[in-house]
Amino acid sequence: MKRIAVLSLAAAAATTGLGALAAAPASAASASAICGSGYSVVDSQSLNGSTVYLSYSSSSGKNCVVTIKTRDVGSSTRTGAYLNVQGSAPIYESDNYTTYAGPVYANAAGKCVIWGGGTNYQYWYSDWSHCG
């Protein structure tokens, strides 16, 4: 159901001619909604075919990563989301999805993270970042 809402937002932006300026805020809002209550987007990376979002909840101390497709939305293609907290094993979700991959969560309070993801078109991973 949540994936349909993301698809609807993308379709509305495309059919109304809002273009990239309107799509970015809607996707960021969608990323926060996918992660859940209390999560705010703290960083993002636009890629060929998707945008990867890193969100954080100060109340839980957890990070959340979601990859939202911007190409082939509605078609099942390989899409992944990745989160690695310093000193812990990486968490990765990758499968054939129609709209997004994730969310993946990890407690990252006081630690650095590597985050990333993407689609068949392009994957990306950060360096250690967002420490604290």
N, C-alpha and C. Protein backbone atom coordinates (compact mmCIF):
# COMPACT_ATOMS: atom_id res chain seq x y z
N MET A 1 0.81 -1.19 0.00
CA MET A 1 0.00 0.00 0.00
C MET A 1 0.86 1.26 0.00
N LYS A 2 1.91 1.29 0.82
CA LYS A 2 2.79 2.45 0.87
C LYS A 2 3.48 2.66 -0.47
N ARG A 3 3.82 1.57 -1.15
CA ARG A 3 4.50 1.68 -2.43
C ARG A 3 3.58 2.29 -3.48
N ILE A 4 2.29 2.05 -3.39
CA ILE A 4 1.33 2.63 -4.32
C ILE A 4 1.28 4.14 -4.12
N ALA A 5 1.33 4.61 -2.88
CA ALA A 5 1.31 6.05 -2.59
C ALA A 5 2.52 6.74 -3.21
N VAL A 6 3.68 6.14 -3.12
CA VAL A 6 4.88 6.71 -3.72
C VAL A 6 4.73 6.78 -5.22
N LEU A 7 4.20 5.72 -5.82
CA LEU A 7 3.97 5.69 -7.26
C LEU A 7 2.99 6.77 -7.66
N SER A 8 1.93 6.96 -6.90
CA SER A 8 0.92 7.97 -7.19
C SER A 8 1.53 9.37 -7.18
N LEU A 9 2.40 9.66 -6.22
CA LEU A 9 3.06 10.96 -6.16
C LEU A 9 3.92 11.19 -7.40
N ALA A 10 4.66 10.19 -7.81
CA ALA A 10 5.52 10.31 -8.98
C ALA A 10 4.69 10.49 -10.24
N ALA A 11 3.60 9.76 -10.35
CA ALA A 11 2.73 9.87 -11.53
C ALA A 11 2.08 11.24 -11.58
N ALA A 12 1.64 11.76 -10.45
CA ALA A 12 1.02 13.08 -10.40
C ALA A 12 2.01 14.16 -10.83
N ALA A 13 3.23 14.08 -10.37
CA ALA A 13 4.24 15.07 -10.76
C ALA A 13 4.53 14.98 -12.25
N ALA A 14 4.58 13.79 -12.79
CA ALA A 14 4.88 13.62 -14.22
C ALA A 14 3.74 14.12 -15.09
N THR A 15 2.49 13.85 -14.70
CA THR A 15 1.37 14.23 -15.55
C THR A 15 1.00 15.70 -15.42
N THR A 16 1.35 16.35 -14.34
CA THR A 16 1.04 17.77 -14.19
C THR A 16 2.17 18.65 -14.68
N GLY A 17 3.28 18.05 -15.11
CA GLY A 17 4.39 18.83 -15.63
C GLY A 17 5.19 19.54 -14.56
N LEU A 18 5.12 19.07 -13.33
CA LEU A 18 5.84 19.73 -12.25
C LEU A 18 7.34 19.50 -12.35
N GLY A 19 7.75 18.42 -12.97
CA GLY A 19 9.17 18.17 -13.20
C GLY A 19 9.95 17.91 -11.94
N ALA A 20 11.28 18.09 -12.05
CA ALA A 20 12.20 17.72 -10.99
C ALA A 20 12.05 18.58 -9.74
N LEU A 21 11.65 19.83 -9.88
CA LEU A 21 11.54 20.68 -8.71
C LEU A 21 10.47 20.17 -7.75
N ALA A 22 9.37 19.67 -8.26
CA ALA A 22 8.32 19.18 -7.40
C ALA A 22 8.59 17.75 -6.94
N ALA A 23 9.29 16.97 -7.75
CA ALA A 23 9.51 15.56 -7.43
C ALA A 23 10.41 15.40 -6.21
N ALA A 24 11.42 16.22 -6.05
CA ALA A 24 12.35 16.06 -4.93
C ALA A 24 11.68 16.23 -3.58
N PRO A 25 10.90 17.29 -3.35
CA PRO A 25 10.25 17.41 -2.05
C PRO A 25 9.25 16.29 -1.78
N ALA A 26 8.51 15.87 -2.80
CA ALA A 26 7.55 14.78 -2.61
C ALA A 26 8.27 13.50 -2.23
N SER A 27 9.41 13.22 -2.88
CA SER A 27 10.16 12.01 -2.57
C SER A 27 10.77 12.07 -1.18
N ALA A 28 11.27 13.23 -0.79
CA ALA A 28 11.82 13.37 0.57
C ALA A 28 10.72 13.16 1.59
N ALA A 29 9.54 13.72 1.34
CA ALA A 29 8.41 13.51 2.24
C ALA A 29 8.03 12.04 2.27
N SER A 30 8.09 11.38 1.11
CA SER A 30 7.77 9.96 1.04
C SER A 30 8.80 9.14 1.80
N ALA A 31 10.07 9.51 1.70
CA ALA A 31 11.12 8.78 2.42
C ALA A 31 10.87 8.85 3.93
N SER A 32 10.52 10.03 4.43
CA SER A 32 10.21 10.16 5.86
C SER A 32 8.99 9.33 6.23
N ALA A 33 7.99 9.33 5.37
CA ALA A 33 6.78 8.54 5.64
C ALA A 33 7.08 7.05 5.63
N ILE A 34 7.93 6.60 4.71
CA ILE A 34 8.29 5.19 4.65
C ILE A 34 9.03 4.77 5.91
N CYS A 35 9.94 5.62 6.39
CA CYS A 35 10.68 5.29 7.62
C CYS A 35 9.78 5.30 8.84
N GLY A 36 8.82 6.21 8.87
CA GLY A 36 7.86 6.22 9.96
C GLY A 36 7.88 7.51 10.77
N SER A 37 7.02 7.57 11.72
CA SER A 37 6.86 8.75 12.56
C SER A 37 8.15 9.11 13.28
N GLY A 38 8.50 10.40 13.24
CA GLY A 38 9.68 10.87 13.95
C GLY A 38 10.95 10.88 13.13
N TYR A 39 10.92 10.35 11.92
CA TYR A 39 12.11 10.33 11.06
C TYR A 39 12.13 11.54 10.15
N SER A 40 13.30 12.17 10.03
CA SER A 40 13.49 13.30 9.13
C SER A 40 14.67 13.00 8.22
N VAL A 41 14.56 13.38 6.95
CA VAL A 41 15.65 13.19 5.99
C VAL A 41 16.80 14.12 6.37
N VAL A 42 18.00 13.54 6.52
CA VAL A 42 19.19 14.32 6.84
C VAL A 42 20.17 14.39 5.67
N ASP A 43 20.00 13.50 4.67
CA ASP A 43 20.89 13.52 3.51
C ASP A 43 20.23 12.71 2.40
N SER A 44 20.65 12.98 1.17
CA SER A 44 20.15 12.22 0.03
C SER A 44 21.20 12.22 -1.06
N GLN A 45 21.09 11.26 -1.95
CA GLN A 45 21.99 11.15 -3.10
C GLN A 45 21.15 10.80 -4.32
N SER A 46 21.12 11.71 -5.29
CA SER A 46 20.42 11.46 -6.55
C SER A 46 21.29 10.62 -7.46
N LEU A 47 20.70 9.59 -8.03
CA LEU A 47 21.42 8.67 -8.91
C LEU A 47 20.67 8.53 -10.22
N ASN A 48 21.28 7.85 -11.16
CA ASN A 48 20.61 7.50 -12.39
C ASN A 48 19.61 6.39 -12.07
N GLY A 49 18.34 6.72 -12.00
CA GLY A 49 17.30 5.72 -11.75
C GLY A 49 16.70 5.74 -10.37
N SER A 50 17.28 6.47 -9.42
CA SER A 50 16.74 6.47 -8.05
C SER A 50 17.34 7.62 -7.24
N THR A 51 16.78 7.80 -6.05
CA THR A 51 17.37 8.68 -5.05
C THR A 51 17.41 7.90 -3.74
N VAL A 52 18.57 7.95 -3.08
CA VAL A 52 18.75 7.26 -1.80
C VAL A 52 18.64 8.31 -0.70
N TYR A 53 17.86 8.01 0.33
CA TYR A 53 17.63 8.93 1.44
C TYR A 53 18.11 8.33 2.75
N LEU A 54 18.80 9.15 3.54
CA LEU A 54 19.19 8.80 4.90
C LEU A 54 18.35 9.65 5.84
N SER A 55 17.62 8.99 6.72
CA SER A 55 16.78 9.69 7.70
C SER A 55 17.25 9.32 9.10
N TYR A 56 16.86 10.16 10.06
CA TYR A 56 17.27 9.93 11.45
C TYR A 56 16.11 10.28 12.38
N SER A 57 15.97 9.50 13.43
CA SER A 57 15.00 9.77 14.49
C SER A 57 15.77 10.06 15.77
N SER A 58 15.68 11.30 16.24
CA SER A 58 16.41 11.66 17.46
C SER A 58 15.80 10.97 18.68
N SER A 59 14.52 10.64 18.64
CA SER A 59 13.90 9.98 19.79
C SER A 59 14.34 8.52 19.94
N SER A 60 14.58 7.84 18.81
CA SER A 60 15.00 6.43 18.88
C SER A 60 16.51 6.26 18.71
N GLY A 61 17.19 7.29 18.15
CA GLY A 61 18.62 7.18 17.87
C GLY A 61 18.93 6.31 16.67
N LYS A 62 17.90 6.02 15.86
CA LYS A 62 18.09 5.14 14.71
C LYS A 62 18.15 5.92 13.41
N ASN A 63 18.97 5.39 12.48
CA ASN A 63 18.98 5.86 11.11
C ASN A 63 18.10 4.94 10.28
N CYS A 64 17.63 5.47 9.16
CA CYS A 64 16.80 4.71 8.23
C CYS A 64 17.27 5.06 6.82
N VAL A 65 17.39 4.06 5.95
CA VAL A 65 17.75 4.29 4.55
C VAL A 65 16.65 3.72 3.66
N VAL A 66 16.26 4.53 2.68
CA VAL A 66 15.26 4.15 1.68
C VAL A 66 15.78 4.57 0.32
N THR A 67 15.64 3.72 -0.68
CA THR A 67 15.94 4.06 -2.07
C THR A 67 14.63 4.12 -2.82
N ILE A 68 14.31 5.30 -3.36
CA ILE A 68 13.08 5.49 -4.12
C ILE A 68 13.42 5.59 -5.60
N LYS A 69 12.77 4.75 -6.40
CA LYS A 69 13.04 4.72 -7.84
C LYS A 69 12.53 5.99 -8.52
N THR A 70 13.29 6.48 -9.50
CA THR A 70 12.86 7.61 -10.33
C THR A 70 12.78 7.19 -11.79
N ARG A 71 13.14 5.97 -12.08
CA ARG A 71 13.11 5.42 -13.43
C ARG A 71 12.51 4.03 -13.36
N ASP A 72 11.73 3.66 -14.34
CA ASP A 72 11.05 2.36 -14.38
C ASP A 72 10.13 2.15 -13.17
N VAL A 73 9.57 3.25 -12.67
CA VAL A 73 8.63 3.15 -11.55
C VAL A 73 7.42 2.34 -12.01
N GLY A 74 7.05 1.36 -11.22
CA GLY A 74 5.95 0.48 -11.56
C GLY A 74 6.42 -0.84 -12.16
N SER A 75 7.65 -0.86 -12.66
CA SER A 75 8.24 -2.09 -13.19
C SER A 75 9.13 -2.70 -12.12
N SER A 76 9.09 -4.00 -12.02
CA SER A 76 9.89 -4.70 -11.02
C SER A 76 11.34 -4.79 -11.49
N THR A 77 12.22 -4.03 -10.82
CA THR A 77 13.65 -4.04 -11.13
C THR A 77 14.45 -4.10 -9.84
N ARG A 78 15.69 -4.56 -9.95
CA ARG A 78 16.57 -4.69 -8.79
C ARG A 78 16.77 -3.31 -8.16
N THR A 79 16.46 -3.21 -6.87
CA THR A 79 16.57 -1.96 -6.12
C THR A 79 17.05 -2.32 -4.72
N GLY A 80 18.00 -1.52 -4.17
CA GLY A 80 18.56 -1.86 -2.87
C GLY A 80 18.77 -0.67 -1.97
N ALA A 81 18.80 -0.93 -0.67
CA ALA A 81 19.10 0.07 0.36
C ALA A 81 20.10 -0.55 1.33
N TYR A 82 21.11 0.24 1.76
CA TYR A 82 22.24 -0.25 2.54
C TYR A 82 22.53 0.68 3.70
N LEU A 83 22.82 0.10 4.88
CA LEU A 83 23.18 0.89 6.06
C LEU A 83 24.18 0.09 6.88
N ASN A 84 25.32 0.73 7.19
CA ASN A 84 26.34 0.09 8.01
C ASN A 84 26.73 1.07 9.12
N VAL A 85 26.51 0.66 10.36
CA VAL A 85 26.90 1.47 11.52
C VAL A 85 28.27 1.00 11.97
N GLN A 86 29.16 1.95 12.23
CA GLN A 86 30.53 1.63 12.63
C GLN A 86 30.51 0.63 13.79
N GLY A 87 31.25 -0.47 13.62
CA GLY A 87 31.34 -1.50 14.64
C GLY A 87 30.26 -2.56 14.55
N SER A 88 29.37 -2.48 13.56
CA SER A 88 28.28 -3.45 13.40
C SER A 88 28.31 -4.05 12.01
N ALA A 89 27.57 -5.12 11.84
CA ALA A 89 27.45 -5.74 10.52
C ALA A 89 26.53 -4.90 9.64
N PRO A 90 26.83 -4.80 8.35
CA PRO A 90 25.97 -4.04 7.44
C PRO A 90 24.58 -4.66 7.33
N ILE A 91 23.61 -3.81 7.04
CA ILE A 91 22.24 -4.24 6.80
C ILE A 91 21.92 -3.85 5.36
N TYR A 92 21.45 -4.81 4.57
CA TYR A 92 21.22 -4.55 3.16
C TYR A 92 19.93 -5.23 2.74
N GLU A 93 19.11 -4.49 2.03
CA GLU A 93 17.90 -5.07 1.43
C GLU A 93 17.97 -4.84 -0.06
N SER A 94 17.88 -5.89 -0.83
CA SER A 94 17.91 -5.78 -2.28
C SER A 94 17.03 -6.87 -2.87
N ASP A 95 16.14 -6.45 -3.77
CA ASP A 95 15.24 -7.38 -4.43
C ASP A 95 14.64 -6.66 -5.64
N ASN A 96 13.73 -7.30 -6.31
CA ASN A 96 13.02 -6.66 -7.42
C ASN A 96 11.81 -5.94 -6.85
N TYR A 97 11.82 -4.60 -6.93
CA TYR A 97 10.75 -3.77 -6.40
C TYR A 97 10.21 -2.85 -7.49
N THR A 98 8.98 -2.41 -7.32
CA THR A 98 8.36 -1.53 -8.30
C THR A 98 8.51 -0.05 -7.97
N THR A 99 8.71 0.30 -6.69
CA THR A 99 8.80 1.72 -6.33
C THR A 99 9.95 2.08 -5.40
N TYR A 100 10.24 1.25 -4.39
CA TYR A 100 11.33 1.57 -3.47
C TYR A 100 11.86 0.35 -2.75
N ALA A 101 13.08 0.48 -2.21
CA ALA A 101 13.69 -0.55 -1.36
C ALA A 101 13.88 0.04 0.02
N GLY A 102 13.77 -0.79 1.02
CA GLY A 102 13.88 -0.36 2.39
C GLY A 102 12.49 -0.33 3.00
N PRO A 103 12.38 0.18 4.14
CA PRO A 103 13.44 0.84 4.91
C PRO A 103 14.35 -0.17 5.62
N VAL A 104 15.60 0.23 5.78
CA VAL A 104 16.53 -0.51 6.64
C VAL A 104 16.89 0.41 7.80
N TYR A 105 16.89 -0.15 9.00
CA TYR A 105 17.09 0.62 10.23
C TYR A 105 18.29 0.11 11.00
N ALA A 106 18.95 1.02 11.72
CA ALA A 106 20.01 0.63 12.65
C ALA A 106 20.19 1.73 13.68
N ASN A 107 20.50 1.32 14.90
CA ASN A 107 20.79 2.29 15.96
C ASN A 107 22.17 2.87 15.69
N ALA A 108 22.21 4.20 15.51
CA ALA A 108 23.47 4.84 15.12
C ALA A 108 23.84 6.01 16.02
N ALA A 109 23.19 6.12 17.17
CA ALA A 109 23.48 7.24 18.08
C ALA A 109 24.95 7.20 18.49
N GLY A 110 25.66 8.31 18.26
CA GLY A 110 27.05 8.42 18.65
C GLY A 110 28.04 7.67 17.76
N LYS A 111 27.58 7.20 16.58
CA LYS A 111 28.45 6.43 15.68
C LYS A 111 28.35 6.96 14.26
N CYS A 112 29.36 6.63 13.45
CA CYS A 112 29.37 6.98 12.03
C CYS A 112 28.66 5.90 11.23
N VAL A 113 28.15 6.28 10.05
CA VAL A 113 27.47 5.32 9.19
C VAL A 113 27.99 5.41 7.76
N ILE A 114 27.90 4.30 7.06
CA ILE A 114 27.99 4.25 5.61
C ILE A 114 26.58 3.92 5.15
N TRP A 115 26.06 4.69 4.21
CA TRP A 115 24.71 4.46 3.72
C TRP A 115 24.71 4.53 2.20
N GLY A 116 23.75 3.89 1.57
CA GLY A 116 23.69 3.92 0.13
C GLY A 116 22.62 3.02 -0.43
N GLY A 117 22.72 2.78 -1.72
CA GLY A 117 21.76 1.95 -2.42
C GLY A 117 21.68 2.34 -3.87
N GLY A 118 20.60 1.95 -4.53
CA GLY A 118 20.40 2.29 -5.92
C GLY A 118 19.58 1.26 -6.65
N THR A 119 19.69 1.31 -7.98
CA THR A 119 18.98 0.38 -8.86
C THR A 119 19.99 -0.19 -9.85
N ASN A 120 19.47 -0.98 -10.79
CA ASN A 120 20.35 -1.55 -11.83
C ASN A 120 21.11 -0.48 -12.59
N TYR A 121 20.58 0.73 -12.65
CA TYR A 121 21.23 1.80 -13.41
C TYR A 121 22.46 2.34 -12.70
N GLN A 122 22.40 2.46 -11.38
CA GLN A 122 23.55 2.99 -10.63
C GLN A 122 23.36 2.72 -9.14
N TYR A 123 24.43 2.25 -8.51
CA TYR A 123 24.48 2.12 -7.05
C TYR A 123 25.51 3.10 -6.52
N TRP A 124 25.34 3.52 -5.28
CA TRP A 124 26.24 4.48 -4.64
C TRP A 124 26.32 4.17 -3.15
N TYR A 125 27.51 4.37 -2.56
CA TYR A 125 27.72 4.18 -1.12
C TYR A 125 28.54 5.35 -0.61
N SER A 126 28.16 5.90 0.53
CA SER A 126 28.90 7.01 1.13
C SER A 126 30.18 6.51 1.77
N ASP A 127 31.03 7.46 2.13
CA ASP A 127 32.13 7.17 3.03
C ASP A 127 31.54 7.19 4.44
N TRP A 128 32.35 6.93 5.45
CA TRP A 128 31.86 7.07 6.82
C TRP A 128 31.42 8.52 7.02
N SER A 129 30.22 8.72 7.50
CA SER A 129 29.68 10.06 7.62
C SER A 129 28.61 10.12 8.72
N HIS A 130 28.07 11.30 8.91
CA HIS A 130 27.00 11.55 9.89
C HIS A 130 27.33 10.94 11.24
N CYS A 131 28.51 11.26 11.69
CA CYS A 131 28.99 10.74 12.99
C CYS A 131 28.34 11.52 14.12
N GLY A 132 27.91 10.81 15.12
CA GLY A 132 27.37 11.50 16.28
C GLY A 132 26.06 11.03 16.60
